Amino acid sequence: MTYFFSTTLEQTTFEEAITKTKAALKEEGFGVLSEIDIKNTLKTKLDVDMDSYVILGACSPKHAYEAIRSEPNIGVFLPCNVIVKQVKPRTFEVSAVDPIASMGAVENKNLSQVAKDVEEKLKNAIARLK
């Protein structure tokens, strides 16, 4: 079972890829709660160089509320991570966690439906980028 789904953006900049990704998420009802710049963090902390790589913490408030009501400790899986990473010059991969895969260990029928709904919305956001 795969744990993510993705698409590739070509002939663009890193900043444009992030902007497009945030807009696609917003169209599906997600906000971005956090933005972690892995490239800069690793350069600062470990003095290593790597290609551009950002983790966006995306959240659909409605679905987060439903999930927490169904399973109070589900916050350990929230928010849904979406990454934008450089794969070659002017080419970036955008990947989103598959919430069904990440929450699969939790045996809760109500949560299962929330995960399916979020999966559909994340897939729609990724599809908007094509």
C-alpha atoms as a PDB file:
ATOM      1  CA  MET A   1       0.000   0.000   0.000  1.00  0.00           C
ATOM      2  CA  THR A   2       1.317   3.412  -0.894  1.00  0.00           C
ATOM      3  CA  TYR A   3       1.252   6.101   1.762  1.00  0.00           C
ATOM      4  CA  PHE A   4       1.088   9.156  -0.497  1.00  0.00           C
ATOM      5  CA  PHE A   5      -0.058  10.443  -3.870  1.00  0.00           C
ATOM      6  CA  SER A   6       1.714  13.022  -5.983  1.00  0.00           C
ATOM      7  CA  THR A   7       2.140  14.962  -9.173  1.00  0.00           C
ATOM      8  CA  THR A   8       4.991  16.769 -10.858  1.00  0.00           C
ATOM      9  CA  LEU A   9       5.115  20.440 -11.780  1.00  0.00           C
ATOM     10  CA  GLU A  10       7.510  21.319 -14.595  1.00  0.00           C
ATOM     11  CA  GLN A  11       8.925  24.559 -15.903  1.00  0.00           C
ATOM     12  CA  THR A  12       8.222  26.451 -12.710  1.00  0.00           C
ATOM     13  CA  THR A  13      10.016  27.917  -9.722  1.00  0.00           C
ATOM     14  CA  PHE A  14       9.950  26.595  -6.185  1.00  0.00           C
ATOM     15  CA  GLU A  15       8.006  29.647  -5.009  1.00  0.00           C
ATOM     16  CA  GLU A  16       5.427  29.192  -7.786  1.00  0.00           C
ATOM     17  CA  ALA A  17       5.060  25.499  -6.933  1.00  0.00           C
ATOM     18  CA  ILE A  18       4.375  26.363  -3.286  1.00  0.00           C
ATOM     19  CA  THR A  19       1.919  29.128  -4.230  1.00  0.00           C
ATOM     20  CA  LYS A  20       0.033  26.830  -6.622  1.00  0.00           C
ATOM     21  CA  THR A  21      -0.057  24.055  -4.032  1.00  0.00           C
ATOM     22  CA  LYS A  22      -1.436  26.341  -1.325  1.00  0.00           C
ATOM     23  CA  ALA A  23      -4.090  27.642  -3.743  1.00  0.00           C
ATOM     24  CA  ALA A  24      -5.126  24.097  -4.719  1.00  0.00           C
ATOM     25  CA  LEU A  25      -5.399  23.124  -1.056  1.00  0.00           C
ATOM     26  CA  LYS A  26      -7.473  26.216  -0.320  1.00  0.00           C
ATOM     27  CA  GLU A  27      -9.871  25.329  -3.157  1.00  0.00           C
ATOM     28  CA  GLU A  28     -10.533  22.044  -1.333  1.00  0.00           C
ATOM     29  CA  GLY A  29     -11.111  23.690   2.053  1.00  0.00           C
ATOM     30  CA  PHE A  30      -7.628  23.296   3.553  1.00  0.00           C
ATOM     31  CA  GLY A  31      -5.600  25.935   5.295  1.00  0.00           C
ATOM     32  CA  VAL A  32      -1.853  25.694   5.766  1.00  0.00           C
ATOM     33  CA  LEU A  33      -1.063  25.777   9.489  1.00  0.00           C
ATOM     34  CA  SER A  34       2.670  25.285   9.202  1.00  0.00           C
ATOM     35  CA  GLU A  35       5.457  25.521   6.686  1.00  0.00           C
ATOM     36  CA  ILE A  36       8.738  23.784   7.446  1.00  0.00           C
ATOM     37  CA  ASP A  37      11.681  24.589   5.197  1.00  0.00           C
ATOM     38  CA  ILE A  38      13.713  21.388   5.448  1.00  0.00           C
ATOM     39  CA  LYS A  39      16.482  22.638   3.158  1.00  0.00           C
ATOM     40  CA  ASN A  40      17.218  25.670   5.332  1.00  0.00           C
ATOM     41  CA  THR A  41      16.742  23.792   8.600  1.00  0.00           C
ATOM     42  CA  LEU A  42      19.240  21.094   7.645  1.00  0.00           C
ATOM     43  CA  LYS A  43      21.698  23.682   6.372  1.00  0.00           C
ATOM     44  CA  THR A  44      21.476  25.557   9.674  1.00  0.00           C
ATOM     45  CA  LYS A  45      21.511  22.527  11.976  1.00  0.00           C
ATOM     46  CA  LEU A  46      23.767  20.090  10.115  1.00  0.00           C
ATOM     47  CA  ASP A  47      25.534  22.239   7.520  1.00  0.00           C
ATOM     48  CA  VAL A  48      24.332  19.957   4.710  1.00  0.00           C
ATOM     49  CA  ASP A  49      23.148  21.012   1.293  1.00  0.00           C
ATOM     50  CA  MET A  50      20.078  19.585  -0.371  1.00  0.00           C
ATOM     51  CA  ASP A  51      17.511  20.570  -2.985  1.00  0.00           C
ATOM     52  CA  SER A  52      14.496  22.669  -2.040  1.00  0.00           C
ATOM     53  CA  TYR A  53      12.086  20.760   0.210  1.00  0.00           C
ATOM     54  CA  VAL A  54       9.162  22.195   2.180  1.00  0.00           C
ATOM     55  CA  ILE A  55       6.562  20.445   4.326  1.00  0.00           C
ATOM     56  CA  LEU A  56       3.154  22.152   4.432  1.00  0.00           C
ATOM     57  CA  GLY A  57       0.898  21.217   7.344  1.00  0.00           C
ATOM     58  CA  ALA A  58      -2.569  21.297   5.751  1.00  0.00           C
ATOM     59  CA  CYS A  59      -5.772  21.221   7.767  1.00  0.00           C
ATOM     60  CA  SER A  60      -9.463  21.063   6.930  1.00  0.00           C
ATOM     61  CA  PRO A  61     -11.041  22.401  10.144  1.00  0.00           C
ATOM     62  CA  LYS A  62     -14.343  20.599   9.525  1.00  0.00           C
ATOM     63  CA  HIS A  63     -12.644  17.251   9.044  1.00  0.00           C
ATOM     64  CA  ALA A  64     -10.191  17.796  11.896  1.00  0.00           C
ATOM     65  CA  TYR A  65     -13.123  18.463  14.228  1.00  0.00           C
ATOM     66  CA  GLU A  66     -14.950  15.329  13.025  1.00  0.00           C
ATOM     67  CA  ALA A  67     -11.806  13.229  13.453  1.00  0.00           C
ATOM     68  CA  ILE A  68     -11.106  14.515  16.975  1.00  0.00           C
ATOM     69  CA  ARG A  69     -14.731  13.930  17.978  1.00  0.00           C
ATOM     70  CA  SER A  70     -14.464  10.354  16.700  1.00  0.00           C
ATOM     71  CA  GLU A  71     -11.009   9.655  18.116  1.00  0.00           C
ATOM     72  CA  PRO A  72      -9.684  12.157  20.703  1.00  0.00           C
ATOM     73  CA  ASN A  73      -5.992  11.220  20.252  1.00  0.00           C
ATOM     74  CA  ILE A  74      -6.071  11.397  16.450  1.00  0.00           C
ATOM     75  CA  GLY A  75      -4.240  14.709  16.665  1.00  0.00           C
ATOM     76  CA  VAL A  76      -1.008  12.707  16.511  1.00  0.00           C
ATOM     77  CA  PHE A  77      -1.784  12.324  12.783  1.00  0.00           C
ATOM     78  CA  LEU A  78      -2.797  15.950  12.202  1.00  0.00           C
ATOM     79  CA  PRO A  79      -2.295  18.090  10.193  1.00  0.00           C
ATOM     80  CA  CYS A  80      -2.059  16.353   6.830  1.00  0.00           C
ATOM     81  CA  ASN A  81       1.435  16.796   5.454  1.00  0.00           C
ATOM     82  CA  VAL A  82       1.985  17.922   1.887  1.00  0.00           C
ATOM     83  CA  ILE A  83       5.509  18.235   0.557  1.00  0.00           C
ATOM     84  CA  VAL A  84       6.915  20.302  -2.279  1.00  0.00           C
ATOM     85  CA  LYS A  85      10.368  19.123  -3.268  1.00  0.00           C
ATOM     86  CA  GLN A  86      12.720  19.791  -6.124  1.00  0.00           C
ATOM     87  CA  VAL A  87      13.445  16.737  -8.274  1.00  0.00           C
ATOM     88  CA  LYS A  88      15.500  18.529 -10.953  1.00  0.00           C
ATOM     89  CA  PRO A  89      15.940  22.114 -12.120  1.00  0.00           C
ATOM     90  CA  ARG A  90      12.538  23.824 -12.561  1.00  0.00           C
ATOM     91  CA  THR A  91      10.756  20.539 -11.735  1.00  0.00           C
ATOM     92  CA  PHE A  92       9.026  19.874  -8.425  1.00  0.00           C
ATOM     93  CA  GLU A  93       7.084  16.984  -6.993  1.00  0.00           C
ATOM     94  CA  VAL A  94       4.055  17.736  -4.823  1.00  0.00           C
ATOM     95  CA  SER A  95       3.042  14.823  -2.589  1.00  0.00           C
ATOM     96  CA  ALA A  96       0.276  14.485  -0.017  1.00  0.00           C
ATOM     97  CA  VAL A  97      -0.081  11.915   2.732  1.00  0.00           C
ATOM     98  CA  ASP A  98      -2.769   9.316   2.179  1.00  0.00           C
ATOM     99  CA  PRO A  99      -4.894   9.736   5.307  1.00  0.00           C
ATOM    100  CA  ILE A 100      -6.370   6.253   4.913  1.00  0.00           C
ATOM    101  CA  ALA A 101      -2.883   4.735   5.038  1.00  0.00           C
ATOM    102  CA  SER A 102      -1.712   6.921   7.918  1.00  0.00           C
ATOM    103  CA  MET A 103      -4.813   6.351  10.043  1.00  0.00           C
ATOM    104  CA  GLY A 104      -5.296   2.725   9.025  1.00  0.00           C
ATOM    105  CA  ALA A 105      -4.053   1.365  12.334  1.00  0.00           C
ATOM    106  CA  VAL A 106      -6.866   3.115  14.186  1.00  0.00           C
ATOM    107  CA  GLU A 107      -9.909   0.858  14.225  1.00  0.00           C
ATOM    108  CA  ASN A 108     -12.751   3.343  14.265  1.00  0.00           C
ATOM    109  CA  LYS A 109     -15.511   3.278  11.631  1.00  0.00           C
ATOM    110  CA  ASN A 110     -16.370   6.954  12.089  1.00  0.00           C
ATOM    111  CA  LEU A 111     -12.732   7.920  11.622  1.00  0.00           C
ATOM    112  CA  SER A 112     -12.503   5.737   8.544  1.00  0.00           C
ATOM    113  CA  GLN A 113     -15.165   7.827   6.803  1.00  0.00           C
ATOM    114  CA  VAL A 114     -13.421  11.077   7.726  1.00  0.00           C
ATOM    115  CA  ALA A 115     -10.161   9.695   6.312  1.00  0.00           C
ATOM    116  CA  LYS A 116     -11.924   8.772   3.056  1.00  0.00           C
ATOM    117  CA  ASP A 117     -13.392  12.274   2.763  1.00  0.00           C
ATOM    118  CA  VAL A 118     -10.016  13.913   3.409  1.00  0.00           C
ATOM    119  CA  GLU A 119      -8.311  11.562   0.955  1.00  0.00           C
ATOM    120  CA  GLU A 120     -10.738  12.627  -1.771  1.00  0.00           C
ATOM    121  CA  LYS A 121     -10.128  16.312  -1.080  1.00  0.00           C
ATOM    122  CA  LEU A 122      -6.327  15.908  -1.028  1.00  0.00           C
ATOM    123  CA  LYS A 123      -6.449  13.932  -4.282  1.00  0.00           C
ATOM    124  CA  ASN A 124      -8.580  16.686  -5.810  1.00  0.00           C
ATOM    125  CA  ALA A 125      -6.036  19.303  -4.692  1.00  0.00           C
ATOM    126  CA  ILE A 126      -3.165  17.321  -6.234  1.00  0.00           C
ATOM    127  CA  ALA A 127      -5.176  16.848  -9.444  1.00  0.00           C
ATOM    128  CA  ARG A 128      -5.706  20.636  -9.695  1.00  0.00           C
ATOM    129  CA  LEU A 129      -1.957  21.021 -10.110  1.00  0.00           C
ATOM    130  CA  LYS A 130      -1.749  18.966 -13.315  1.00  0.00           C
END
